């Protein structure tokens, strides 16, 4: 195995799980791999999460996984900060356990996602956020964002549609880049990206409507995490990684920490044209509840240090997605800054997080 193919972007303060690093090295054994870059939020999964794998002449759908197009979008809400009624908002959202899927008959497209308009489980969420700190006023204005408004970030993907696609293209041997299988995968992959983006938009609209607001929703930042991109004859497999080609990128914290809007720099070209997507897990889900159960009550685990609250009806998920189980997002940001890969635009604080 050529260990030189893997570049690990980290520092001495950033903990990385040994199993995740081993998974990243194993990926480098695949035929056609030219390089791989592990971001500071690297953690283990069925394949390593937080890594971009660059190949030539071969593609590997299993590296992208089931949730093709999983990503985060920031939307305007038209809601002014002074209109926050947090207890009332929590009461309204507590009346729904999950975002009900939008029937195809109510959407003017032939939608392939049966559960379209829903967020999903696990680490997926929707979060109302306020700007906490501005680092680059001009950069924020270019995004048409300011501190007077509440924004909503939706983290979701193509839902069951992505799983269906991977079942069809599940060979761990991959596919030659010009083959009919590769062309068919790219066609369905791109369709999943399209619908994942629309799914986030629809979810944001529904949540804002649940709170009693009807303002137009406008997308401000869009970041896909799980997708395959071709560039200059190479194939960039991103799993839990965002493209650095975007004007602005969201690097998410946990529900109890800040999240950061950043601007990618030209330096990213040296690191797979990519950036970290968030904090990255520290613990497997099975380890979470036993480690932190005594630290919280059912009330305190639903609040954060910024005064924000959580709406979640899944008892286990309260612990599996607690802030404690994620890496420190400020460490992730510091690593990327030390490599010259980002410039901060703004930090967002969590006001109300919805999971379901």
Protein backbone atom coordinates (compact mmCIF):
# COMPACT_ATOMS: atom_id res chain seq x y z
CA UNK A 1 0.00 0.00 0.00
CA UNK A 2 1.28 3.42 -0.96
CA UNK A 3 0.69 5.46 2.21
CA UNK A 4 1.88 8.57 0.36
CA UNK A 5 -1.47 8.70 -1.41
CA UNK A 6 -3.20 9.82 1.80
CA UNK A 7 -2.83 13.34 3.21
CA UNK A 8 -4.27 13.86 6.69
CA UNK A 9 -5.20 17.47 7.43
CA UNK A 10 -4.94 17.86 11.20
CA UNK A 11 -2.83 19.16 14.09
CA UNK A 12 -1.76 17.98 17.53
CA UNK A 13 -4.91 19.34 19.20
CA UNK A 14 -7.31 17.52 16.91
CA UNK A 15 -8.13 13.96 17.95
CA UNK A 16 -8.65 11.41 15.19
CA UNK A 17 -9.99 7.90 15.63
CA UNK A 18 -7.49 5.21 14.61
CA UNK A 19 -10.16 3.14 12.89
CA UNK A 20 -11.13 6.09 10.70
CA UNK A 21 -7.52 6.63 9.65
CA UNK A 22 -7.17 2.92 8.84
CA UNK A 23 -10.32 3.11 6.71
CA UNK A 24 -8.85 6.04 4.81
CA UNK A 25 -5.67 4.09 4.13
CA UNK A 26 -7.69 1.08 2.97
CA UNK A 27 -9.54 3.23 0.44
CA UNK A 28 -6.18 4.14 -1.09
CA UNK A 29 -5.78 0.50 -2.18
CA UNK A 30 -8.61 0.80 -4.69
CA UNK A 31 -7.64 0.64 -8.34
CA UNK A 32 -7.19 4.06 -9.92
CA UNK A 33 -6.82 6.07 -6.71
CA UNK A 34 -4.44 8.97 -7.28
CA UNK A 35 -4.75 10.67 -3.91
CA UNK A 36 -6.96 10.95 -0.84
CA UNK A 37 -7.34 13.80 1.64
CA UNK A 38 -8.69 13.27 5.14
CA UNK A 39 -10.26 16.38 6.62
CA UNK A 40 -9.93 17.24 10.33
CA UNK A 41 -13.49 16.01 10.97
CA UNK A 42 -12.62 12.48 9.72
CA UNK A 43 -14.52 9.69 11.46
CA UNK A 44 -15.38 6.07 10.78
CA UNK A 45 -18.43 4.75 8.96
CA UNK A 46 -19.13 2.02 6.43
CA UNK A 47 -16.48 3.93 4.49
CA UNK A 48 -14.46 6.81 5.98
CA UNK A 49 -16.49 10.01 6.48
CA UNK A 50 -14.66 13.29 6.00
CA UNK A 51 -12.46 12.19 3.10
CA UNK A 52 -12.17 13.05 -0.59
CA UNK A 53 -10.81 10.26 -2.82
CA UNK A 54 -9.42 11.28 -6.20
CA UNK A 55 -9.41 8.61 -8.92
CA UNK A 56 -8.55 8.28 -12.57
CA UNK A 57 -10.47 6.06 -15.01
CA UNK A 58 -12.60 4.47 -12.24
CA UNK A 59 -15.54 5.55 -10.11
CA UNK A 60 -16.73 3.98 -6.84
CA UNK A 61 -20.37 4.69 -5.91
CA UNK A 62 -19.99 2.92 -2.56
CA UNK A 63 -17.61 5.68 -1.45
CA UNK A 64 -20.46 8.20 -1.84
CA UNK A 65 -22.88 5.95 0.02
CA UNK A 66 -26.65 5.83 0.22
CA UNK A 67 -27.55 9.46 0.90
CA UNK A 68 -26.40 10.99 -2.38
CA UNK A 69 -26.61 14.76 -2.20
CA UNK A 70 -26.73 14.90 1.58
CA UNK A 71 -25.73 18.43 2.45
CA UNK A 72 -26.65 21.68 4.13
CA UNK A 73 -28.45 24.75 2.87
CA UNK A 74 -28.88 28.09 4.62
CA UNK A 75 -32.13 29.90 3.82
CA UNK A 76 -33.45 33.32 4.70
CA UNK A 77 -36.69 33.28 6.68
CA UNK A 78 -37.79 36.90 6.59
CA UNK A 79 -38.12 36.67 10.39
CA UNK A 80 -36.48 39.50 12.30
CA UNK A 81 -34.51 38.73 15.45
CA UNK A 82 -36.90 40.81 17.52
CA UNK A 83 -39.77 38.51 16.48
CA UNK A 84 -38.26 35.42 18.13
CA UNK A 85 -40.83 33.80 20.43
CA UNK A 86 -38.79 30.77 21.41
CA UNK A 87 -41.20 29.10 23.84
CA UNK A 88 -44.08 29.58 21.41
CA UNK A 89 -42.00 28.20 18.52
CA UNK A 90 -41.04 25.15 20.57
CA UNK A 91 -44.68 24.53 21.47
CA UNK A 92 -45.71 24.65 17.83
CA UNK A 93 -42.96 22.36 16.60
CA UNK A 94 -43.53 19.95 19.49
CA UNK A 95 -46.94 19.19 17.99
CA UNK A 96 -45.25 17.39 15.09
CA UNK A 97 -43.00 14.37 15.52
CA UNK A 98 -41.66 14.49 12.00
CA UNK A 99 -42.07 16.51 8.83
CA UNK A 100 -44.71 14.66 6.87
CA UNK A 101 -43.78 13.81 3.32
CA UNK A 102 -45.29 15.96 0.58
CA UNK A 103 -47.55 13.84 -1.68
CA UNK A 104 -46.46 13.82 -5.32
CA UNK A 105 -49.87 15.13 -6.28
CA UNK A 106 -49.06 18.35 -4.43
CA UNK A 107 -45.72 18.92 -6.15
CA UNK A 108 -45.52 19.99 -9.81
CA UNK A 109 -42.74 17.55 -10.74
CA UNK A 110 -42.36 13.80 -11.11
CA UNK A 111 -40.58 13.45 -7.77
CA UNK A 112 -38.70 10.15 -7.22
CA UNK A 113 -38.48 10.60 -3.41
CA UNK A 114 -41.44 8.96 -1.64
CA UNK A 115 -40.61 10.84 1.57
CA UNK A 116 -39.96 14.15 -0.18
CA UNK A 117 -40.12 17.19 2.09
CA UNK A 118 -38.86 15.35 5.18
CA UNK A 119 -35.50 15.68 6.89
CA UNK A 120 -34.67 12.17 8.04
CA UNK A 121 -33.18 10.77 11.22
CA UNK A 122 -29.68 10.40 12.67
CA UNK A 123 -27.57 13.52 12.33
CA UNK A 124 -30.02 15.27 10.00
CA UNK A 125 -31.66 18.41 11.35
CA UNK A 126 -33.14 21.82 10.71
CA UNK A 127 -31.90 24.73 12.81
CA UNK A 128 -33.01 28.32 13.16
CA UNK A 129 -29.86 30.41 13.62
CA UNK A 130 -28.80 33.98 14.29
CA UNK A 131 -25.54 35.63 13.30
CA UNK A 132 -23.27 35.65 16.34
CA UNK A 133 -20.05 37.16 15.00
CA UNK A 134 -19.16 38.88 11.72
CA UNK A 135 -15.54 38.48 10.55
CA UNK A 136 -15.91 39.69 6.98
CA UNK A 137 -18.69 42.25 6.51
CA UNK A 138 -18.18 42.51 2.77
CA UNK A 139 -18.32 38.74 2.40
CA UNK A 140 -21.54 38.59 4.39
CA UNK A 141 -23.11 41.35 2.30
CA UNK A 142 -22.18 39.45 -0.87
CA UNK A 143 -24.39 36.65 0.45
CA UNK A 144 -27.15 39.21 1.12
CA UNK A 145 -27.13 38.27 4.81
CA UNK A 146 -27.10 40.47 7.90
CA UNK A 147 -27.50 40.29 11.65
CA UNK A 148 -31.10 41.49 11.76
CA UNK A 149 -32.62 38.27 10.42
CA UNK A 150 -33.07 34.69 11.58
CA UNK A 151 -31.85 32.04 9.13
CA UNK A 152 -32.64 28.36 8.86
CA UNK A 153 -30.10 25.66 8.01
CA UNK A 154 -31.40 22.32 6.77
CA UNK A 155 -29.18 19.24 6.80
CA UNK A 156 -30.68 16.46 4.69
CA UNK A 157 -30.29 14.66 1.38
CA UNK A 158 -32.02 12.54 -1.24
CA UNK A 159 -33.59 10.32 1.42
CA UNK A 160 -34.66 6.85 0.23
CA UNK A 161 -33.93 7.70 -3.41
CA UNK A 162 -30.15 7.68 -2.81
CA UNK A 163 -30.38 4.28 -1.15
CA UNK A 164 -32.23 2.88 -4.15
CA UNK A 165 -29.53 4.15 -6.50
CA UNK A 166 -26.69 2.62 -4.49
CA UNK A 167 -28.46 -0.75 -4.47
CA UNK A 168 -28.29 -0.68 -8.27
CA UNK A 169 -24.59 0.33 -8.36
CA UNK A 170 -23.21 -1.50 -5.34
CA UNK A 171 -20.09 -3.16 -6.77
CA UNK A 172 -17.05 -2.57 -4.58
CA UNK A 173 -14.92 -3.12 -7.68
CA UNK A 174 -16.21 0.16 -9.08
CA UNK A 175 -16.87 0.96 -12.73
CA UNK A 176 -14.70 2.11 -15.60
CA UNK A 177 -15.29 5.82 -16.07
CA UNK A 178 -16.53 5.51 -19.66
CA UNK A 179 -18.67 2.42 -19.14
CA UNK A 180 -22.44 2.33 -19.54
CA UNK A 181 -22.72 1.61 -15.80
CA UNK A 182 -20.73 4.74 -14.92
CA UNK A 183 -22.81 6.88 -17.28
CA UNK A 184 -26.02 5.48 -15.83
CA UNK A 185 -24.80 6.12 -12.29
CA UNK A 186 -23.84 9.71 -13.05
CA UNK A 187 -27.27 10.35 -14.55
CA UNK A 188 -29.10 9.08 -11.48
CA UNK A 189 -26.52 10.61 -9.13
CA UNK A 190 -27.11 14.06 -10.63
CA UNK A 191 -30.86 13.54 -10.37
CA UNK A 192 -30.43 12.73 -6.67
CA UNK A 193 -28.40 15.92 -6.15
CA UNK A 194 -31.21 17.92 -7.75
CA UNK A 195 -33.87 16.39 -5.54
CA UNK A 196 -31.77 16.57 -2.38
CA UNK A 197 -31.49 20.31 -2.89
CA UNK A 198 -35.23 20.65 -3.49
CA UNK A 199 -35.92 18.48 -0.44
CA UNK A 200 -34.00 20.90 1.79
CA UNK A 201 -35.86 23.84 0.29
CA UNK A 202 -39.25 22.23 0.82
CA UNK A 203 -38.37 21.28 4.41
CA UNK A 204 -37.33 24.85 5.20
CA UNK A 205 -40.57 26.25 3.77
CA UNK A 206 -42.69 23.83 5.80
CA UNK A 207 -40.95 24.62 9.09
CA UNK A 208 -41.26 28.37 8.58
CA UNK A 209 -44.93 27.87 7.75
CA UNK A 210 -45.43 25.79 10.93
CA UNK A 211 -44.24 28.81 12.92
CA UNK A 212 -46.87 31.00 11.28
CA UNK A 213 -44.67 32.94 8.85
CA UNK A 214 -45.26 33.08 5.11
CA UNK A 215 -42.27 35.04 3.81
CA UNK A 216 -40.45 33.91 0.68
CA UNK A 217 -37.57 31.50 1.31
CA UNK A 218 -34.28 32.31 -0.41
CA UNK A 219 -31.24 30.04 -0.47
CA UNK A 220 -28.06 31.78 0.74
CA UNK A 221 -25.49 28.97 1.00
CA UNK A 222 -25.59 25.48 -0.55
CA UNK A 223 -23.15 22.68 0.36
CA UNK A 224 -23.38 19.08 -0.85
CA UNK A 225 -21.48 16.60 1.34
CA UNK A 226 -21.88 13.27 -0.44
CA UNK A 227 -21.30 13.43 -4.17
CA UNK A 228 -19.04 12.60 -7.08
CA UNK A 229 -17.53 15.32 -9.26
CA UNK A 230 -15.46 15.08 -12.45
CA UNK A 231 -12.79 17.73 -13.04
CA UNK A 232 -9.98 17.70 -15.60
CA UNK A 233 -10.21 13.95 -16.14
CA UNK A 234 -10.18 13.12 -12.43
CA UNK A 235 -13.05 11.97 -10.22
CA UNK A 236 -13.49 13.48 -6.78
CA UNK A 237 -15.43 11.19 -4.44
CA UNK A 238 -16.58 13.33 -1.52
CA UNK A 239 -18.00 11.62 1.55
CA UNK A 240 -18.76 14.08 4.34
CA UNK A 241 -16.73 16.71 2.45
CA UNK A 242 -17.72 19.89 0.61
CA UNK A 243 -16.32 21.31 -2.62
CA UNK A 244 -14.01 24.29 -2.30
CA UNK A 245 -15.31 25.67 -5.59
CA UNK A 246 -18.20 27.35 -3.78
CA UNK A 247 -18.14 31.06 -2.96
CA UNK A 248 -19.08 30.30 0.64
CA UNK A 249 -19.25 27.09 2.68
CA UNK A 250 -21.00 26.22 5.93
CA UNK A 251 -18.94 24.24 8.43
CA UNK A 252 -21.47 23.10 11.00
CA UNK A 253 -20.94 22.66 14.69
CA UNK A 254 -23.19 20.62 16.94
CA UNK A 255 -26.58 21.83 18.18
CA UNK A 256 -24.81 23.39 21.17
CA UNK A 257 -22.00 25.23 19.41
CA UNK A 258 -21.43 27.84 16.75
CA UNK A 259 -21.38 27.03 13.05
CA UNK A 260 -19.18 28.94 10.61
CA UNK A 261 -19.69 30.41 7.16
CA UNK A 262 -16.26 30.48 5.52
CA UNK A 263 -14.71 31.39 2.19
CA UNK A 264 -12.49 28.71 0.57
CA UNK A 265 -9.05 29.90 -0.57
CA UNK A 266 -6.90 28.92 -3.54
CA UNK A 267 -4.88 26.74 -1.16
CA UNK A 268 -7.67 24.15 -1.26
CA UNK A 269 -6.45 23.13 -4.72
CA UNK A 270 -3.58 21.36 -2.92
CA UNK A 271 -6.02 19.36 -0.79
CA UNK A 272 -8.49 17.78 -3.17
CA UNK A 273 -10.40 21.00 -3.90
CA UNK A 274 -12.30 20.28 -0.71
CA UNK A 275 -13.11 21.35 2.84
CA UNK A 276 -14.43 19.79 6.04
CA UNK A 277 -18.21 19.79 6.42
CA UNK A 278 -18.54 20.01 10.19
CA UNK A 279 -17.33 18.85 13.58
CA UNK A 280 -17.21 15.09 13.00
CA UNK A 281 -18.28 12.46 15.52
CA UNK A 282 -16.06 11.41 18.43
CA UNK A 283 -18.13 8.43 19.59
CA UNK A 284 -20.16 5.67 18.02
CA UNK A 285 -23.89 5.94 18.73
CA UNK A 286 -23.85 2.92 21.05
CA UNK A 287 -21.34 4.66 23.31
CA UNK A 288 -23.17 7.97 23.75
CA UNK A 289 -25.95 7.37 26.26
CA UNK A 290 -23.85 5.43 28.82
CA UNK A 291 -21.17 8.14 28.79
CA UNK A 292 -23.36 11.22 29.25
CA UNK A 293 -26.71 10.01 30.63
CA UNK A 294 -25.91 11.19 34.16
CA UNK A 295 -24.74 14.59 32.95
CA UNK A 296 -28.17 15.79 31.76
CA UNK A 297 -31.83 15.75 32.63
CA UNK A 298 -34.45 15.57 29.89
CA UNK A 299 -34.80 19.34 30.15
CA UNK A 300 -31.14 20.38 30.30
CA UNK A 301 -30.14 18.21 27.33
CA UNK A 302 -32.60 20.20 25.20
CA UNK A 303 -30.95 23.56 25.91
CA UNK A 304 -27.64 25.07 24.85
CA UNK A 305 -25.32 27.68 26.28
CA UNK A 306 -26.63 30.34 23.87
CA UNK A 307 -30.15 30.08 25.26
CA UNK A 308 -31.33 27.99 22.33
CA UNK A 309 -33.60 24.96 22.53
CA UNK A 310 -34.09 21.58 20.87
CA UNK A 311 -37.25 19.88 19.66
CA UNK A 312 -36.74 16.12 19.41
CA UNK A 313 -39.14 13.28 20.22
CA UNK A 314 -36.58 10.46 19.97
CA UNK A 315 -35.17 9.76 23.46
CA UNK A 316 -32.09 7.89 22.21
CA UNK A 317 -31.33 10.57 19.64
CA UNK A 318 -31.10 13.19 22.40
CA UNK A 319 -27.92 11.47 23.58
CA UNK A 320 -26.64 10.13 20.26
CA UNK A 321 -26.58 13.67 18.83
CA UNK A 322 -25.63 15.61 21.98
CA UNK A 323 -22.88 18.24 21.56
CA UNK A 324 -20.54 16.09 23.69
CA UNK A 325 -20.33 13.36 21.04
CA UNK A 326 -18.85 15.70 18.41
CA UNK A 327 -15.41 17.19 18.01
CA UNK A 328 -14.81 20.83 18.85
CA UNK A 329 -15.78 22.83 15.77
CA UNK A 330 -13.38 25.61 16.74
CA UNK A 331 -10.53 23.10 16.53
CA UNK A 332 -11.69 22.09 13.05
CA UNK A 333 -11.76 25.73 11.98
CA UNK A 334 -8.31 26.36 13.49
CA UNK A 335 -6.85 23.39 11.58
CA UNK A 336 -8.23 24.62 8.26
CA UNK A 337 -6.95 28.13 8.97
CA UNK A 338 -3.50 26.82 9.81
CA UNK A 339 -3.40 25.15 6.39
CA UNK A 340 -4.49 28.42 4.76
CA UNK A 341 -7.65 26.80 3.37
CA UNK A 342 -10.35 29.16 4.65
CA UNK A 343 -11.18 32.70 5.66
CA UNK A 344 -14.00 33.27 8.14
CA UNK A 345 -17.07 35.22 7.07
CA UNK A 346 -19.43 34.80 10.04
CA UNK A 347 -20.38 32.57 12.95
CA UNK A 348 -23.99 31.44 13.52
CA UNK A 349 -25.48 30.51 16.89
CA UNK A 350 -28.26 27.93 17.33
CA UNK A 351 -31.64 29.36 18.31
CA UNK A 352 -33.96 26.39 17.78
CA UNK A 353 -32.95 22.95 16.51
CA UNK A 354 -35.54 20.53 15.11
CA UNK A 355 -34.81 16.84 14.68
CA UNK A 356 -37.40 14.53 13.19
